[in-house]
N, C-alpha and C. Protein backbone atom coordinates (compact mmCIF):
# COMPACT_ATOMS: atom_id res chain seq x y z
N MET A 1 0.40 6.41 18.24
CA MET A 1 -0.12 7.76 18.33
C MET A 1 -0.20 8.15 19.81
N LYS A 2 0.14 9.41 20.08
CA LYS A 2 0.07 9.94 21.44
C LYS A 2 -0.59 11.31 21.38
N ALA A 3 -1.74 11.45 22.02
CA ALA A 3 -2.43 12.74 22.08
C ALA A 3 -1.58 13.71 22.89
N LEU A 4 -1.58 14.97 22.47
CA LEU A 4 -0.80 16.01 23.15
C LEU A 4 -1.75 17.06 23.73
N ASP A 5 -1.55 17.40 24.98
CA ASP A 5 -2.36 18.44 25.61
C ASP A 5 -1.92 19.80 25.08
N SER A 6 -2.91 20.64 24.77
CA SER A 6 -2.61 21.96 24.25
C SER A 6 -3.79 22.89 24.47
N GLY A 7 -3.50 24.14 24.75
CA GLY A 7 -4.54 25.14 24.91
C GLY A 7 -5.17 25.55 23.60
N ILE A 8 -4.59 25.17 22.47
CA ILE A 8 -5.15 25.58 21.18
C ILE A 8 -6.31 24.68 20.74
N GLU A 9 -6.47 23.54 21.40
CA GLU A 9 -7.55 22.63 21.03
C GLU A 9 -8.89 23.35 21.15
N ASN A 10 -9.69 23.24 20.12
CA ASN A 10 -11.04 23.81 20.03
C ASN A 10 -11.04 25.33 19.84
N GLN A 11 -9.89 25.94 19.60
CA GLN A 11 -9.81 27.37 19.32
C GLN A 11 -10.11 27.62 17.84
N ALA A 12 -10.64 28.80 17.53
CA ALA A 12 -10.96 29.17 16.15
C ALA A 12 -9.99 30.25 15.67
N TYR A 13 -9.58 30.13 14.41
CA TYR A 13 -8.65 31.07 13.78
C TYR A 13 -9.02 31.21 12.31
N SER A 14 -8.49 32.24 11.68
CA SER A 14 -8.58 32.27 10.22
C SER A 14 -7.46 31.34 9.72
N PHE A 15 -7.70 30.68 8.60
CA PHE A 15 -6.70 29.77 8.06
C PHE A 15 -5.40 30.52 7.79
N GLU A 16 -5.50 31.71 7.23
CA GLU A 16 -4.31 32.50 6.90
C GLU A 16 -3.51 32.83 8.16
N ASP A 17 -4.19 33.24 9.23
CA ASP A 17 -3.49 33.60 10.46
C ASP A 17 -2.76 32.41 11.06
N ILE A 18 -3.43 31.27 11.17
CA ILE A 18 -2.78 30.11 11.80
C ILE A 18 -1.62 29.62 10.94
N GLU A 19 -1.78 29.67 9.63
CA GLU A 19 -0.69 29.25 8.74
C GLU A 19 0.51 30.18 8.89
N ASN A 20 0.27 31.49 8.97
CA ASN A 20 1.36 32.45 9.13
C ASN A 20 2.07 32.31 10.48
N ILE A 21 1.35 31.91 11.50
CA ILE A 21 1.95 31.74 12.83
C ILE A 21 2.70 30.41 12.94
N LEU A 22 2.14 29.35 12.37
CA LEU A 22 2.76 28.02 12.50
C LEU A 22 3.94 27.82 11.54
N SER A 23 3.94 28.50 10.42
CA SER A 23 5.01 28.32 9.43
C SER A 23 6.41 28.59 10.00
N PRO A 24 6.64 29.69 10.73
CA PRO A 24 7.97 29.91 11.31
C PRO A 24 8.35 28.87 12.37
N LEU A 25 7.35 28.15 12.89
CA LEU A 25 7.62 27.07 13.85
C LEU A 25 7.82 25.73 13.15
N GLU A 26 8.02 25.79 11.83
CA GLU A 26 8.30 24.64 10.97
C GLU A 26 7.12 23.68 10.83
N PHE A 27 5.90 24.21 10.85
CA PHE A 27 4.71 23.44 10.54
C PHE A 27 4.29 23.77 9.13
N SER A 28 3.79 22.78 8.42
CA SER A 28 3.24 23.01 7.09
C SER A 28 2.02 22.12 6.91
N VAL A 29 1.16 22.53 6.00
CA VAL A 29 -0.03 21.73 5.72
C VAL A 29 0.41 20.49 4.97
N GLY A 30 0.09 19.33 5.53
CA GLY A 30 0.45 18.06 4.91
C GLY A 30 -0.30 17.85 3.60
N GLY A 31 0.16 16.90 2.81
CA GLY A 31 -0.42 16.63 1.51
C GLY A 31 -1.77 15.96 1.54
N ASN A 32 -2.26 15.58 2.69
CA ASN A 32 -3.53 14.86 2.75
C ASN A 32 -4.68 15.77 3.18
N TRP A 33 -4.68 17.02 2.74
CA TRP A 33 -5.75 17.94 3.10
C TRP A 33 -6.93 17.78 2.15
N GLU A 34 -8.08 18.15 2.65
CA GLU A 34 -9.32 18.20 1.87
C GLU A 34 -9.85 19.62 2.00
N TYR A 35 -10.93 19.92 1.33
CA TYR A 35 -11.47 21.28 1.40
C TYR A 35 -12.05 21.62 2.77
N ASP A 36 -12.43 20.60 3.54
CA ASP A 36 -13.05 20.87 4.83
C ASP A 36 -12.15 20.55 6.03
N HIS A 37 -10.98 19.97 5.80
CA HIS A 37 -10.07 19.68 6.92
C HIS A 37 -8.64 19.53 6.41
N ALA A 38 -7.70 19.69 7.32
CA ALA A 38 -6.28 19.56 6.98
C ALA A 38 -5.51 19.27 8.26
N TYR A 39 -4.21 19.03 8.09
CA TYR A 39 -3.31 18.81 9.23
C TYR A 39 -2.08 19.68 9.04
N PHE A 40 -1.69 20.37 10.10
CA PHE A 40 -0.41 21.06 10.12
C PHE A 40 0.59 20.07 10.72
N ASP A 41 1.64 19.76 9.98
CA ASP A 41 2.62 18.76 10.41
C ASP A 41 3.96 19.41 10.72
N HIS A 42 4.62 18.87 11.74
CA HIS A 42 5.95 19.30 12.13
C HIS A 42 6.81 18.04 12.29
N LYS A 43 7.86 17.94 11.49
CA LYS A 43 8.73 16.76 11.55
C LYS A 43 9.66 16.88 12.75
N LEU A 44 9.62 15.85 13.62
CA LEU A 44 10.54 15.79 14.75
C LEU A 44 11.79 15.00 14.41
N GLU A 45 11.62 13.94 13.65
CA GLU A 45 12.73 13.01 13.36
C GLU A 45 12.46 12.27 12.07
N ARG A 46 13.50 12.04 11.31
CA ARG A 46 13.41 11.17 10.14
C ARG A 46 14.78 10.53 9.95
N ASN A 47 14.80 9.19 9.98
CA ASN A 47 16.04 8.47 9.73
C ASN A 47 15.70 7.21 8.93
N ASP A 48 16.61 6.30 8.78
CA ASP A 48 16.38 5.11 7.97
C ASP A 48 15.38 4.14 8.58
N GLU A 49 15.11 4.26 9.85
CA GLU A 49 14.24 3.30 10.53
C GLU A 49 12.85 3.84 10.83
N GLU A 50 12.72 5.15 11.05
CA GLU A 50 11.43 5.69 11.44
C GLU A 50 11.38 7.19 11.21
N TYR A 51 10.17 7.69 11.26
CA TYR A 51 10.02 9.14 11.35
C TYR A 51 8.91 9.46 12.32
N ALA A 52 9.05 10.62 12.96
CA ALA A 52 8.10 11.07 13.97
C ALA A 52 7.68 12.49 13.64
N PHE A 53 6.39 12.78 13.81
CA PHE A 53 5.93 14.12 13.55
C PHE A 53 4.74 14.47 14.43
N ILE A 54 4.61 15.79 14.67
CA ILE A 54 3.46 16.33 15.38
C ILE A 54 2.44 16.69 14.32
N ARG A 55 1.19 16.40 14.61
CA ARG A 55 0.11 16.71 13.68
C ARG A 55 -0.96 17.50 14.42
N ILE A 56 -1.31 18.67 13.88
CA ILE A 56 -2.38 19.50 14.44
C ILE A 56 -3.53 19.48 13.44
N PRO A 57 -4.64 18.83 13.78
CA PRO A 57 -5.78 18.78 12.86
C PRO A 57 -6.60 20.07 12.93
N VAL A 58 -7.08 20.50 11.78
CA VAL A 58 -7.98 21.66 11.71
C VAL A 58 -9.14 21.31 10.79
N SER A 59 -10.30 21.88 11.07
CA SER A 59 -11.45 21.70 10.19
C SER A 59 -12.11 23.05 9.96
N THR A 60 -12.70 23.21 8.79
CA THR A 60 -13.29 24.50 8.45
C THR A 60 -14.67 24.65 9.07
N GLU A 61 -14.94 25.88 9.45
CA GLU A 61 -16.28 26.25 9.90
C GLU A 61 -16.93 27.18 8.88
N ILE A 62 -16.10 28.01 8.23
CA ILE A 62 -16.56 28.91 7.18
C ILE A 62 -15.52 28.85 6.06
N GLY A 63 -15.97 28.63 4.83
CA GLY A 63 -15.05 28.59 3.69
C GLY A 63 -14.40 27.23 3.53
N THR A 64 -13.31 27.21 2.77
CA THR A 64 -12.58 25.97 2.50
C THR A 64 -11.10 26.17 2.77
N ILE A 65 -10.42 25.07 3.04
CA ILE A 65 -8.98 25.10 3.30
C ILE A 65 -8.27 25.76 2.11
N GLY A 66 -7.36 26.65 2.42
CA GLY A 66 -6.61 27.35 1.39
C GLY A 66 -7.13 28.75 1.10
N GLU A 67 -8.37 29.03 1.43
CA GLU A 67 -8.91 30.37 1.26
C GLU A 67 -8.41 31.25 2.41
N LYS A 68 -7.99 32.47 2.07
CA LYS A 68 -7.45 33.37 3.09
C LYS A 68 -8.46 33.66 4.20
N ASN A 69 -9.73 33.77 3.84
CA ASN A 69 -10.75 34.14 4.83
C ASN A 69 -11.41 32.93 5.48
N ALA A 70 -10.96 31.74 5.17
CA ALA A 70 -11.56 30.54 5.77
C ALA A 70 -11.37 30.58 7.28
N GLN A 71 -12.40 30.20 8.00
CA GLN A 71 -12.33 30.11 9.45
C GLN A 71 -12.24 28.64 9.83
N ILE A 72 -11.26 28.32 10.67
CA ILE A 72 -11.04 26.93 11.04
C ILE A 72 -11.12 26.76 12.55
N ARG A 73 -11.32 25.51 12.98
CA ARG A 73 -11.29 25.16 14.39
C ARG A 73 -10.22 24.08 14.56
N VAL A 74 -9.43 24.20 15.62
CA VAL A 74 -8.32 23.28 15.87
C VAL A 74 -8.81 22.06 16.65
N GLY A 75 -8.36 20.89 16.21
CA GLY A 75 -8.64 19.65 16.93
C GLY A 75 -7.53 19.33 17.92
N LYS A 76 -7.53 18.11 18.43
CA LYS A 76 -6.54 17.66 19.43
C LYS A 76 -5.23 17.32 18.73
N PRO A 77 -4.14 18.04 19.04
CA PRO A 77 -2.84 17.70 18.46
C PRO A 77 -2.37 16.32 18.92
N PHE A 78 -1.56 15.67 18.07
CA PHE A 78 -1.04 14.36 18.44
C PHE A 78 0.32 14.12 17.80
N LEU A 79 1.00 13.13 18.32
CA LEU A 79 2.34 12.73 17.87
C LEU A 79 2.23 11.36 17.23
N LEU A 80 2.80 11.21 16.05
CA LEU A 80 2.81 9.93 15.34
C LEU A 80 4.24 9.49 15.08
N VAL A 81 4.46 8.18 15.16
CA VAL A 81 5.74 7.58 14.80
C VAL A 81 5.46 6.47 13.80
N HIS A 82 6.16 6.49 12.67
CA HIS A 82 6.06 5.43 11.66
C HIS A 82 7.41 4.72 11.60
N ARG A 83 7.39 3.39 11.72
CA ARG A 83 8.61 2.59 11.59
C ARG A 83 8.58 1.92 10.23
N PHE A 84 9.73 1.96 9.53
CA PHE A 84 9.84 1.37 8.21
C PHE A 84 10.18 -0.11 8.29
N GLU A 85 9.76 -0.86 7.27
CA GLU A 85 10.11 -2.28 7.18
C GLU A 85 11.61 -2.40 6.91
N ALA A 86 12.21 -3.36 7.55
CA ALA A 86 13.63 -3.63 7.30
C ALA A 86 13.74 -4.52 6.07
N GLY A 87 14.74 -4.25 5.24
CA GLY A 87 14.98 -5.11 4.08
C GLY A 87 14.13 -4.75 2.88
N ILE A 88 13.79 -5.75 2.09
CA ILE A 88 13.08 -5.58 0.84
C ILE A 88 11.59 -5.35 1.08
N ASP A 89 11.01 -4.46 0.29
CA ASP A 89 9.57 -4.21 0.35
C ASP A 89 8.89 -5.28 -0.49
N HIS A 90 8.32 -6.28 0.15
CA HIS A 90 7.74 -7.42 -0.55
C HIS A 90 6.43 -7.08 -1.24
N GLN A 91 5.84 -5.96 -0.92
CA GLN A 91 4.58 -5.57 -1.56
C GLN A 91 4.81 -4.66 -2.75
N SER A 92 6.04 -4.35 -3.07
CA SER A 92 6.32 -3.43 -4.17
C SER A 92 6.04 -4.10 -5.51
N ILE A 93 5.84 -3.27 -6.51
CA ILE A 93 5.58 -3.74 -7.87
C ILE A 93 6.85 -3.50 -8.68
N SER A 94 7.32 -4.51 -9.39
CA SER A 94 8.57 -4.38 -10.11
C SER A 94 8.39 -3.61 -11.40
N GLY A 95 9.49 -3.15 -11.94
CA GLY A 95 9.48 -2.44 -13.21
C GLY A 95 9.92 -1.00 -13.02
N ASN A 96 10.70 -0.49 -13.99
CA ASN A 96 11.25 0.85 -13.88
C ASN A 96 10.18 1.93 -13.87
N VAL A 97 9.18 1.80 -14.72
CA VAL A 97 8.13 2.82 -14.77
C VAL A 97 7.34 2.81 -13.47
N GLN A 98 6.95 1.61 -13.01
CA GLN A 98 6.17 1.52 -11.79
C GLN A 98 6.98 1.94 -10.57
N ALA A 99 8.27 1.74 -10.61
CA ALA A 99 9.11 2.10 -9.47
C ALA A 99 9.07 3.60 -9.22
N GLY A 100 8.93 4.38 -10.28
CA GLY A 100 8.82 5.83 -10.12
C GLY A 100 7.58 6.24 -9.37
N PHE A 101 6.52 5.46 -9.49
CA PHE A 101 5.27 5.78 -8.79
C PHE A 101 5.17 5.12 -7.43
N ASN A 102 5.90 4.05 -7.19
CA ASN A 102 5.80 3.28 -5.95
C ASN A 102 7.13 3.29 -5.21
N GLN A 103 7.69 4.50 -5.04
CA GLN A 103 9.03 4.60 -4.48
C GLN A 103 9.08 4.61 -2.96
N PHE A 104 7.94 4.74 -2.30
CA PHE A 104 7.95 4.85 -0.86
C PHE A 104 7.61 3.52 -0.21
N GLN A 105 8.44 3.15 0.73
CA GLN A 105 8.26 1.87 1.42
C GLN A 105 7.12 1.98 2.42
N ALA A 106 6.32 0.95 2.50
CA ALA A 106 5.20 0.92 3.45
C ALA A 106 5.75 0.87 4.87
N PRO A 107 5.10 1.56 5.81
CA PRO A 107 5.58 1.48 7.19
C PRO A 107 5.37 0.10 7.77
N GLU A 108 6.35 -0.34 8.55
CA GLU A 108 6.22 -1.62 9.25
C GLU A 108 5.12 -1.51 10.30
N ASP A 109 5.14 -0.41 11.00
CA ASP A 109 4.13 -0.14 12.03
C ASP A 109 3.74 1.32 11.90
N PRO A 110 2.62 1.60 11.21
CA PRO A 110 2.25 2.99 10.96
C PRO A 110 1.80 3.73 12.22
N ASP A 111 1.59 3.02 13.29
CA ASP A 111 1.15 3.63 14.54
C ASP A 111 2.00 3.09 15.68
N ALA A 112 3.32 3.20 15.52
CA ALA A 112 4.27 2.60 16.45
C ALA A 112 4.19 3.27 17.83
N GLU A 113 4.65 2.52 18.82
CA GLU A 113 4.72 3.06 20.18
C GLU A 113 5.62 4.28 20.17
N VAL A 114 5.23 5.28 20.94
CA VAL A 114 5.95 6.55 20.93
C VAL A 114 6.97 6.58 22.06
N ASP A 115 8.22 6.78 21.70
CA ASP A 115 9.32 6.86 22.65
C ASP A 115 9.19 8.14 23.49
N ASP A 116 9.56 8.04 24.77
CA ASP A 116 9.47 9.20 25.68
C ASP A 116 10.26 10.40 25.19
N SER A 117 11.39 10.17 24.52
CA SER A 117 12.18 11.30 24.03
C SER A 117 11.40 12.09 22.98
N TYR A 118 10.61 11.41 22.14
CA TYR A 118 9.77 12.10 21.17
C TYR A 118 8.67 12.89 21.89
N VAL A 119 8.10 12.31 22.92
CA VAL A 119 7.03 12.98 23.67
C VAL A 119 7.56 14.27 24.28
N GLN A 120 8.73 14.22 24.89
CA GLN A 120 9.32 15.40 25.50
C GLN A 120 9.59 16.48 24.46
N ARG A 121 10.13 16.10 23.33
CA ARG A 121 10.40 17.07 22.26
C ARG A 121 9.09 17.65 21.72
N ALA A 122 8.09 16.80 21.54
CA ALA A 122 6.79 17.27 21.03
C ALA A 122 6.14 18.24 22.02
N GLU A 123 6.22 17.94 23.30
CA GLU A 123 5.65 18.84 24.31
C GLU A 123 6.34 20.19 24.31
N ALA A 124 7.65 20.21 24.09
CA ALA A 124 8.39 21.47 24.02
C ALA A 124 7.94 22.29 22.80
N VAL A 125 7.75 21.63 21.67
CA VAL A 125 7.27 22.32 20.47
C VAL A 125 5.87 22.86 20.70
N MET A 126 5.01 22.06 21.32
CA MET A 126 3.63 22.50 21.54
C MET A 126 3.55 23.68 22.52
N LYS A 127 4.50 23.80 23.44
CA LYS A 127 4.55 24.98 24.31
C LYS A 127 4.80 26.23 23.48
N LYS A 128 5.69 26.12 22.49
CA LYS A 128 5.95 27.25 21.59
C LYS A 128 4.70 27.58 20.77
N VAL A 129 4.01 26.54 20.30
CA VAL A 129 2.78 26.73 19.53
C VAL A 129 1.75 27.44 20.39
N ASP A 130 1.56 26.99 21.63
CA ASP A 130 0.59 27.61 22.53
C ASP A 130 0.93 29.08 22.76
N ARG A 131 2.21 29.37 23.02
CA ARG A 131 2.62 30.76 23.25
C ARG A 131 2.32 31.63 22.01
N ALA A 132 2.59 31.08 20.84
CA ALA A 132 2.39 31.84 19.61
C ALA A 132 0.92 32.08 19.28
N LEU A 133 0.08 31.08 19.55
CA LEU A 133 -1.32 31.17 19.15
C LEU A 133 -2.25 31.69 20.25
N LEU A 134 -1.84 31.65 21.48
CA LEU A 134 -2.73 32.04 22.57
C LEU A 134 -2.40 33.41 23.17
N GLN A 135 -1.65 34.22 22.47
CA GLN A 135 -1.29 35.55 22.97
C GLN A 135 -2.49 36.46 22.99
């Protein structure tokens, strides 16, 4: 994980406004949201060995995530890289039915060291985010 400097940290927005601004920049609310917090994710890279993404955390101050009038506060953006295990997933459960539910391979290193090329790309994306949200 690599923290990213951004002027949007600690800024307040309506959930609807930030979602409408970040969506054209290819950010979407990740699947691990709760009613009081969520993450806007932007995929930088995905290949057979790893994937990298920018994550912007938000938490509610008024209302709940998903409500148009919810008011949120932005946390510190960061960059994550996940490296996949090479070869067979030894922790998988066999069987056709179970395979449908356990189709994703566990990351070899869920918090892998971040390559400088990813950092540079993430910083460029965050400059666009700052320009869009801090006007």
